[in-house]
C-alpha cells in the first residue's frame, strides 16, 4: 500500500447519468490542477484517485447501489 501525505480519501468513485458532459467538466478541472489522466473509454474516466463511470439508473429505495462511493 502506498501512502500519500496530505490525502483525505483513498479513492472516489462517481456514477453519473451524463458521462459525456461529466468528462468535459473533469477534463477541464483536472488539466488546471495538473492531474494526469490514467485511462479513459466510452464508459469511464480515471485520473489519480478519481473514477467516473455511467450509472445505469439512480438507485431505488431499498437497494444497496449508490451513485457515489469514497474510501479513506
PDB file of N, CA and C in Angstrom:
ATOM      1  N   UNK A   1       0.840  -1.178   0.000  1.00  0.00           N
ATOM      2  CA  UNK A   1       0.000   0.000   0.000  1.00  0.00           C
ATOM      3  C   UNK A   1       0.883   1.238   0.000  1.00  0.00           C
ATOM      4  N   UNK A   2       0.539   2.196  -0.856  1.00  0.00           N
ATOM      5  CA  UNK A   2       1.312   3.426  -0.953  1.00  0.00           C
ATOM      6  C   UNK A   2       0.622   4.521  -0.144  1.00  0.00           C
ATOM      7  N   UNK A   3       1.397   5.264   0.631  1.00  0.00           N
ATOM      8  CA  UNK A   3       0.859   6.339   1.458  1.00  0.00           C
ATOM      9  C   UNK A   3       1.139   7.678   0.796  1.00  0.00           C
ATOM     10  N   UNK A   4       0.103   8.490   0.653  1.00  0.00           N
ATOM     11  CA  UNK A   4       0.240   9.819   0.073  1.00  0.00           C
ATOM     12  C   UNK A   4      -0.045  10.852   1.155  1.00  0.00           C
ATOM     13  N   UNK A   5       0.964  11.565   1.594  1.00  0.00           N
ATOM     14  CA  UNK A   5       0.810  12.565   2.642  1.00  0.00           C
ATOM     15  C   UNK A   5      -0.145  13.667   2.184  1.00  0.00           C
ATOM     16  N   UNK A   6      -1.074  13.998   3.059  1.00  0.00           N
ATOM     17  CA  UNK A   6      -1.993  15.080   2.780  1.00  0.00           C
ATOM     18  C   UNK A   6      -3.272  14.674   2.078  1.00  0.00           C
ATOM     19  N   UNK A   7      -3.473  13.400   1.822  1.00  0.00           N
ATOM     20  CA  UNK A   7      -4.695  12.958   1.150  1.00  0.00           C
ATOM     21  C   UNK A   7      -5.723  12.514   2.178  1.00  0.00           C
ATOM     22  N   UNK A   8      -6.934  12.986   1.973  1.00  0.00           N
ATOM     23  CA  UNK A   8      -8.015  12.628   2.878  1.00  0.00           C
ATOM     24  C   UNK A   8      -8.699  11.325   2.452  1.00  0.00           C
ATOM     25  N   UNK A   9      -8.834  11.114   1.135  1.00  0.00           N
ATOM     26  CA  UNK A   9      -9.529   9.937   0.625  1.00  0.00           C
ATOM     27  C   UNK A   9      -8.570   9.058  -0.171  1.00  0.00           C
ATOM     28  N   UNK A  10      -8.782   7.753  -0.087  1.00  0.00           N
ATOM     29  CA  UNK A  10      -8.014   6.805  -0.887  1.00  0.00           C
ATOM     30  C   UNK A  10      -8.498   6.829  -2.331  1.00  0.00           C
ATOM     31  N   UNK A  11      -9.819   6.851  -2.518  1.00  0.00           N
ATOM     32  CA  UNK A  11     -10.380   6.946  -3.862  1.00  0.00           C
ATOM     33  C   UNK A  11     -11.802   7.480  -3.800  1.00  0.00           C
ATOM     34  N   UNK A  12     -12.256   8.023  -4.924  1.00  0.00           N
ATOM     35  CA  UNK A  12     -13.632   8.500  -5.077  1.00  0.00           C
ATOM     36  C   UNK A  12     -14.159   7.899  -6.371  1.00  0.00           C
ATOM     37  N   UNK A  13     -15.319   7.245  -6.295  1.00  0.00           N
ATOM     38  CA  UNK A  13     -15.958   6.632  -7.462  1.00  0.00           C
ATOM     39  C   UNK A  13     -17.327   7.282  -7.619  1.00  0.00           C
ATOM     40  N   UNK A  14     -17.523   7.975  -8.746  1.00  0.00           N
ATOM     41  CA  UNK A  14     -18.792   8.634  -9.036  1.00  0.00           C
ATOM     42  C   UNK A  14     -19.483   7.914 -10.182  1.00  0.00           C
ATOM     43  N   UNK A  15     -20.783   7.681 -10.023  1.00  0.00           N
ATOM     44  CA  UNK A  15     -21.586   7.073 -11.088  1.00  0.00           C
ATOM     45  C   UNK A  15     -22.563   8.136 -11.558  1.00  0.00           C
ATOM     46  N   UNK A  16     -22.442   8.548 -12.814  1.00  0.00           N
ATOM     47  CA  UNK A  16     -23.184   9.693 -13.323  1.00  0.00           C
ATOM     48  C   UNK A  16     -24.049   9.313 -14.508  1.00  0.00           C
ATOM     49  N   UNK A  17     -25.148  10.023 -14.670  1.00  0.00           N
ATOM     50  CA  UNK A  17     -26.038   9.743 -15.789  1.00  0.00           C
ATOM     51  C   UNK A  17     -25.523  10.330 -17.092  1.00  0.00           C
ATOM     52  N   UNK A  18     -24.970  11.549 -17.062  1.00  0.00           N
ATOM     53  CA  UNK A  18     -24.468  12.187 -18.278  1.00  0.00           C
ATOM     54  C   UNK A  18     -22.942  12.134 -18.268  1.00  0.00           C
ATOM     55  N   UNK A  19     -22.406  11.009 -18.667  1.00  0.00           N
ATOM     56  CA  UNK A  19     -20.962  10.791 -18.611  1.00  0.00           C
ATOM     57  C   UNK A  19     -20.208  11.721 -19.559  1.00  0.00           C
ATOM     58  N   UNK A  20     -20.742  11.983 -20.735  1.00  0.00           N
ATOM     59  CA  UNK A  20     -20.040  12.837 -21.693  1.00  0.00           C
ATOM     60  C   UNK A  20     -19.864  14.255 -21.154  1.00  0.00           C
ATOM     61  N   UNK A  21     -20.912  14.837 -20.590  1.00  0.00           N
ATOM     62  CA  UNK A  21     -20.813  16.181 -20.002  1.00  0.00           C
ATOM     63  C   UNK A  21     -19.874  16.168 -18.797  1.00  0.00           C
ATOM     64  N   UNK A  22     -19.925  15.111 -18.015  1.00  0.00           N
ATOM     65  CA  UNK A  22     -19.058  14.999 -16.842  1.00  0.00           C
ATOM     66  C   UNK A  22     -17.593  14.894 -17.240  1.00  0.00           C
ATOM     67  N   UNK A  23     -17.311  14.158 -18.314  1.00  0.00           N
ATOM     68  CA  UNK A  23     -15.935  14.046 -18.794  1.00  0.00           C
ATOM     69  C   UNK A  23     -15.396  15.409 -19.200  1.00  0.00           C
ATOM     70  N   UNK A  24     -16.202  16.211 -19.889  1.00  0.00           N
ATOM     71  CA  UNK A  24     -15.770  17.556 -20.287  1.00  0.00           C
ATOM     72  C   UNK A  24     -15.433  18.392 -19.051  1.00  0.00           C
ATOM     73  N   UNK A  25     -16.295  18.330 -18.045  1.00  0.00           N
ATOM     74  CA  UNK A  25     -16.074  19.085 -16.816  1.00  0.00           C
ATOM     75  C   UNK A  25     -14.791  18.633 -16.111  1.00  0.00           C
ATOM     76  N   UNK A  26     -14.659  17.326 -15.875  1.00  0.00           N
ATOM     77  CA  UNK A  26     -13.488  16.824 -15.143  1.00  0.00           C
ATOM     78  C   UNK A  26     -12.189  16.998 -15.931  1.00  0.00           C
ATOM     79  N   UNK A  27     -12.236  16.885 -17.258  1.00  0.00           N
ATOM     80  CA  UNK A  27     -11.032  17.157 -18.058  1.00  0.00           C
ATOM     81  C   UNK A  27     -10.559  18.585 -17.832  1.00  0.00           C
ATOM     82  N   UNK A  28     -11.483  19.547 -17.895  1.00  0.00           N
ATOM     83  CA  UNK A  28     -11.135  20.963 -17.722  1.00  0.00           C
ATOM     84  C   UNK A  28     -10.573  21.225 -16.331  1.00  0.00           C
ATOM     85  N   UNK A  29     -11.208  20.685 -15.303  1.00  0.00           N
ATOM     86  CA  UNK A  29     -10.758  20.902 -13.922  1.00  0.00           C
ATOM     87  C   UNK A  29      -9.406  20.234 -13.673  1.00  0.00           C
ATOM     88  N   UNK A  30      -9.257  18.992 -14.113  1.00  0.00           N
ATOM     89  CA  UNK A  30      -8.025  18.250 -13.839  1.00  0.00           C
ATOM     90  C   UNK A  30      -6.820  18.821 -14.581  1.00  0.00           C
ATOM     91  N   UNK A  31      -7.034  19.349 -15.791  1.00  0.00           N
ATOM     92  CA  UNK A  31      -5.933  19.981 -16.523  1.00  0.00           C
ATOM     93  C   UNK A  31      -5.434  21.200 -15.754  1.00  0.00           C
ATOM     94  N   UNK A  32      -6.345  22.016 -15.246  1.00  0.00           N
ATOM     95  CA  UNK A  32      -5.960  23.196 -14.479  1.00  0.00           C
ATOM     96  C   UNK A  32      -5.200  22.795 -13.214  1.00  0.00           C
ATOM     97  N   UNK A  33      -5.622  21.705 -12.585  1.00  0.00           N
ATOM     98  CA  UNK A  33      -4.965  21.234 -11.357  1.00  0.00           C
ATOM     99  C   UNK A  33      -3.670  20.469 -11.636  1.00  0.00           C
ATOM    100  N   UNK A  34      -3.422  20.161 -12.899  1.00  0.00           N
ATOM    101  CA  UNK A  34      -2.209  19.420 -13.253  1.00  0.00           C
ATOM    102  C   UNK A  34      -2.275  17.943 -12.923  1.00  0.00           C
ATOM    103  N   UNK A  35      -3.481  17.394 -12.868  1.00  0.00           N
ATOM    104  CA  UNK A  35      -3.669  15.968 -12.554  1.00  0.00           C
ATOM    105  C   UNK A  35      -3.776  15.191 -13.867  1.00  0.00           C
ATOM    106  N   UNK A  36      -2.874  14.241 -14.123  1.00  0.00           N
ATOM    107  CA  UNK A  36      -2.920  13.487 -15.380  1.00  0.00           C
ATOM    108  C   UNK A  36      -4.035  12.438 -15.385  1.00  0.00           C
ATOM    109  N   UNK A  37      -4.506  12.118 -16.603  1.00  0.00           N
ATOM    110  CA  UNK A  37      -5.499  11.055 -16.770  1.00  0.00           C
ATOM    111  C   UNK A  37      -4.784   9.715 -16.748  1.00  0.00           C
ATOM    112  N   UNK A  38      -5.377   8.718 -16.102  1.00  0.00           N
ATOM    113  CA  UNK A  38      -4.827   7.366 -16.119  1.00  0.00           C
ATOM    114  C   UNK A  38      -5.407   6.597 -17.288  1.00  0.00           C
ATOM    115  N   UNK A  39      -6.724   6.692 -17.434  1.00  0.00           N
ATOM    116  CA  UNK A  39      -7.362   5.987 -18.542  1.00  0.00           C
ATOM    117  C   UNK A  39      -8.723   6.608 -18.814  1.00  0.00           C
ATOM    118  N   UNK A  40      -9.172   6.376 -20.046  1.00  0.00           N
ATOM    119  CA  UNK A  40     -10.479   6.880 -20.449  1.00  0.00           C
ATOM    120  C   UNK A  40     -11.020   5.976 -21.543  1.00  0.00           C
ATOM    121  N   UNK A  41     -12.326   5.725 -21.510  1.00  0.00           N
ATOM    122  CA  UNK A  41     -13.004   4.943 -22.535  1.00  0.00           C
ATOM    123  C   UNK A  41     -14.403   5.533 -22.700  1.00  0.00           C
ATOM    124  N   UNK A  42     -15.204   5.005 -23.617  1.00  0.00           N
ATOM    125  CA  UNK A  42     -16.587   5.486 -23.721  1.00  0.00           C
ATOM    126  C   UNK A  42     -17.400   5.232 -22.444  1.00  0.00           C
ATOM    127  N   UNK A  43     -16.862   4.396 -21.544  1.00  0.00           N
ATOM    128  CA  UNK A  43     -17.614   4.009 -20.350  1.00  0.00           C
ATOM    129  C   UNK A  43     -17.071   4.578 -19.051  1.00  0.00           C
ATOM    130  N   UNK A  44     -15.876   5.202 -19.080  1.00  0.00           N
ATOM    131  CA  UNK A  44     -15.314   5.694 -17.818  1.00  0.00           C
ATOM    132  C   UNK A  44     -14.224   6.753 -18.049  1.00  0.00           C
ATOM    133  N   UNK A  45     -13.853   7.397 -16.962  1.00  0.00           N
ATOM    134  CA  UNK A  45     -12.725   8.312 -16.899  1.00  0.00           C
ATOM    135  C   UNK A  45     -12.021   8.041 -15.577  1.00  0.00           C
ATOM    136  N   UNK A  46     -10.708   7.931 -15.609  1.00  0.00           N
ATOM    137  CA  UNK A  46      -9.944   7.667 -14.399  1.00  0.00           C
ATOM    138  C   UNK A  46      -8.750   8.613 -14.347  1.00  0.00           C
ATOM    139  N   UNK A  47      -8.596   9.307 -13.223  1.00  0.00           N
ATOM    140  CA  UNK A  47      -7.470  10.222 -13.034  1.00  0.00           C
ATOM    141  C   UNK A  47      -7.109  10.229 -11.556  1.00  0.00           C
ATOM    142  N   UNK A  48      -5.855   9.904 -11.270  1.00  0.00           N
ATOM    143  CA  UNK A  48      -5.370   9.837  -9.891  1.00  0.00           C
ATOM    144  C   UNK A  48      -6.299   8.925  -9.087  1.00  0.00           C
ATOM    145  N   UNK A  49      -6.922   9.424  -8.050  1.00  0.00           N
ATOM    146  CA  UNK A  49      -7.803   8.594  -7.214  1.00  0.00           C
ATOM    147  C   UNK A  49      -9.282   8.791  -7.552  1.00  0.00           C
ATOM    148  N   UNK A  50      -9.573   9.385  -8.698  1.00  0.00           N
ATOM    149  CA  UNK A  50     -10.949   9.626  -9.142  1.00  0.00           C
ATOM    150  C   UNK A  50     -11.317   8.638 -10.241  1.00  0.00           C
ATOM    151  N   UNK A  51     -12.478   7.990 -10.105  1.00  0.00           N
ATOM    152  CA  UNK A  51     -13.009   7.098 -11.134  1.00  0.00           C
ATOM    153  C   UNK A  51     -14.446   7.505 -11.390  1.00  0.00           C
ATOM    154  N   UNK A  52     -14.774   7.818 -12.643  1.00  0.00           N
ATOM    155  CA  UNK A  52     -16.114   8.264 -13.022  1.00  0.00           C
ATOM    156  C   UNK A  52     -16.635   7.320 -14.089  1.00  0.00           C
ATOM    157  N   UNK A  53     -17.857   6.808 -13.897  1.00  0.00           N
ATOM    158  CA  UNK A  53     -18.472   5.982 -14.930  1.00  0.00           C
ATOM    159  C   UNK A  53     -19.960   6.285 -15.010  1.00  0.00           C
ATOM    160  N   UNK A  54     -20.601   5.651 -15.971  1.00  0.00           N
ATOM    161  CA  UNK A  54     -22.022   5.885 -16.205  1.00  0.00           C
ATOM    162  C   UNK A  54     -22.843   4.947 -15.325  1.00  0.00           C
ATOM    163  N   UNK A  55     -23.704   5.533 -14.516  1.00  0.00           N
ATOM    164  CA  UNK A  55     -24.633   4.734 -13.730  1.00  0.00           C
ATOM    165  C   UNK A  55     -25.810   4.352 -14.601  1.00  0.00           C
ATOM    166  N   UNK A  56     -26.242   3.107 -14.535  1.00  0.00           N
ATOM    167  CA  UNK A  56     -27.343   2.659 -15.389  1.00  0.00           C
ATOM    168  C   UNK A  56     -28.641   3.365 -15.027  1.00  0.00           C
ATOM    169  N   UNK A  57     -28.853   3.600 -13.749  1.00  0.00           N
ATOM    170  CA  UNK A  57     -30.017   4.364 -13.282  1.00  0.00           C
ATOM    171  C   UNK A  57     -29.778   4.698 -11.826  1.00  0.00           C
ATOM    172  N   UNK A  58     -30.436   5.705 -11.346  1.00  0.00           N
ATOM    173  CA  UNK A  58     -30.278   6.063  -9.939  1.00  0.00           C
ATOM    174  C   UNK A  58     -30.912   4.975  -9.088  1.00  0.00           C
ATOM    175  N   UNK A  59     -30.350   4.687  -7.940  1.00  0.00           N
ATOM    176  CA  UNK A  59     -30.881   3.583  -7.109  1.00  0.00           C
ATOM    177  C   UNK A  59     -32.292   3.863  -6.613  1.00  0.00           C
ATOM    178  N   UNK A  60     -33.037   2.811  -6.517  1.00  0.00           N
ATOM    179  CA  UNK A  60     -34.395   2.912  -5.971  1.00  0.00           C
ATOM    180  C   UNK A  60     -34.360   2.651  -4.479  1.00  0.00           C
ATOM    181  N   UNK A  61     -35.375   3.087  -3.807  1.00  0.00           N
ATOM    182  CA  UNK A  61     -35.472   2.911  -2.363  1.00  0.00           C
ATOM    183  C   UNK A  61     -35.326   1.433  -2.001  1.00  0.00           C
ATOM    184  N   UNK A  62     -34.466   1.135  -1.046  1.00  0.00           N
ATOM    185  CA  UNK A  62     -34.285  -0.234  -0.590  1.00  0.00           C
ATOM    186  C   UNK A  62     -33.160  -0.973  -1.286  1.00  0.00           C
ATOM    187  N   UNK A  63     -32.487  -0.345  -2.261  1.00  0.00           N
ATOM    188  CA  UNK A  63     -31.375  -1.022  -2.924  1.00  0.00           C
ATOM    189  C   UNK A  63     -30.054  -0.597  -2.273  1.00  0.00           C
ATOM    190  N   UNK A  64     -29.014  -1.346  -2.532  1.00  0.00           N
ATOM    191  CA  UNK A  64     -27.718  -1.025  -1.944  1.00  0.00           C
ATOM    192  C   UNK A  64     -26.817  -0.253  -2.900  1.00  0.00           C
ATOM    193  N   UNK A  65     -27.215  -0.130  -4.168  1.00  0.00           N
ATOM    194  CA  UNK A  65     -26.403   0.606  -5.141  1.00  0.00           C
ATOM    195  C   UNK A  65     -26.428   2.088  -4.833  1.00  0.00           C
ATOM    196  N   UNK A  66     -25.274   2.733  -4.943  1.00  0.00           N
ATOM    197  CA  UNK A  66     -25.157   4.162  -4.658  1.00  0.00           C
ATOM    198  C   UNK A  66     -24.464   4.852  -5.826  1.00  0.00           C
ATOM    199  N   UNK A  67     -24.807   6.134  -6.094  1.00  0.00           N
ATOM    200  CA  UNK A  67     -24.162   6.863  -7.182  1.00  0.00           C
ATOM    201  C   UNK A  67     -22.766   7.361  -6.836  1.00  0.00           C
ATOM    202  N   UNK A  68     -22.333   7.158  -5.598  1.00  0.00           N
ATOM    203  CA  UNK A  68     -21.018   7.662  -5.180  1.00  0.00           C
ATOM    204  C   UNK A  68     -20.452   6.767  -4.083  1.00  0.00           C
ATOM    205  N   UNK A  69     -19.151   6.507  -4.132  1.00  0.00           N
ATOM    206  CA  UNK A  69     -18.504   5.819  -3.025  1.00  0.00           C
ATOM    207  C   UNK A  69     -17.148   6.449  -2.777  1.00  0.00           C
ATOM    208  N   UNK A  70     -16.767   6.521  -1.516  1.00  0.00           N
ATOM    209  CA  UNK A  70     -15.478   7.074  -1.139  1.00  0.00           C
ATOM    210  C   UNK A  70     -14.857   6.173  -0.094  1.00  0.00           C
ATOM    211  N   UNK A  71     -13.558   6.031  -0.128  1.00  0.00           N
ATOM    212  CA  UNK A  71     -12.856   5.241   0.880  1.00  0.00           C
ATOM    213  C   UNK A  71     -11.681   6.062   1.393  1.00  0.00           C
ATOM    214  N   UNK A  72     -11.438   5.929   2.677  1.00  0.00           N
ATOM    215  CA  UNK A  72     -10.284   6.642   3.224  1.00  0.00           C
ATOM    216  C   UNK A  72      -9.364   5.682   3.911  1.00  0.00           C
TER     217      UNK A  72
END
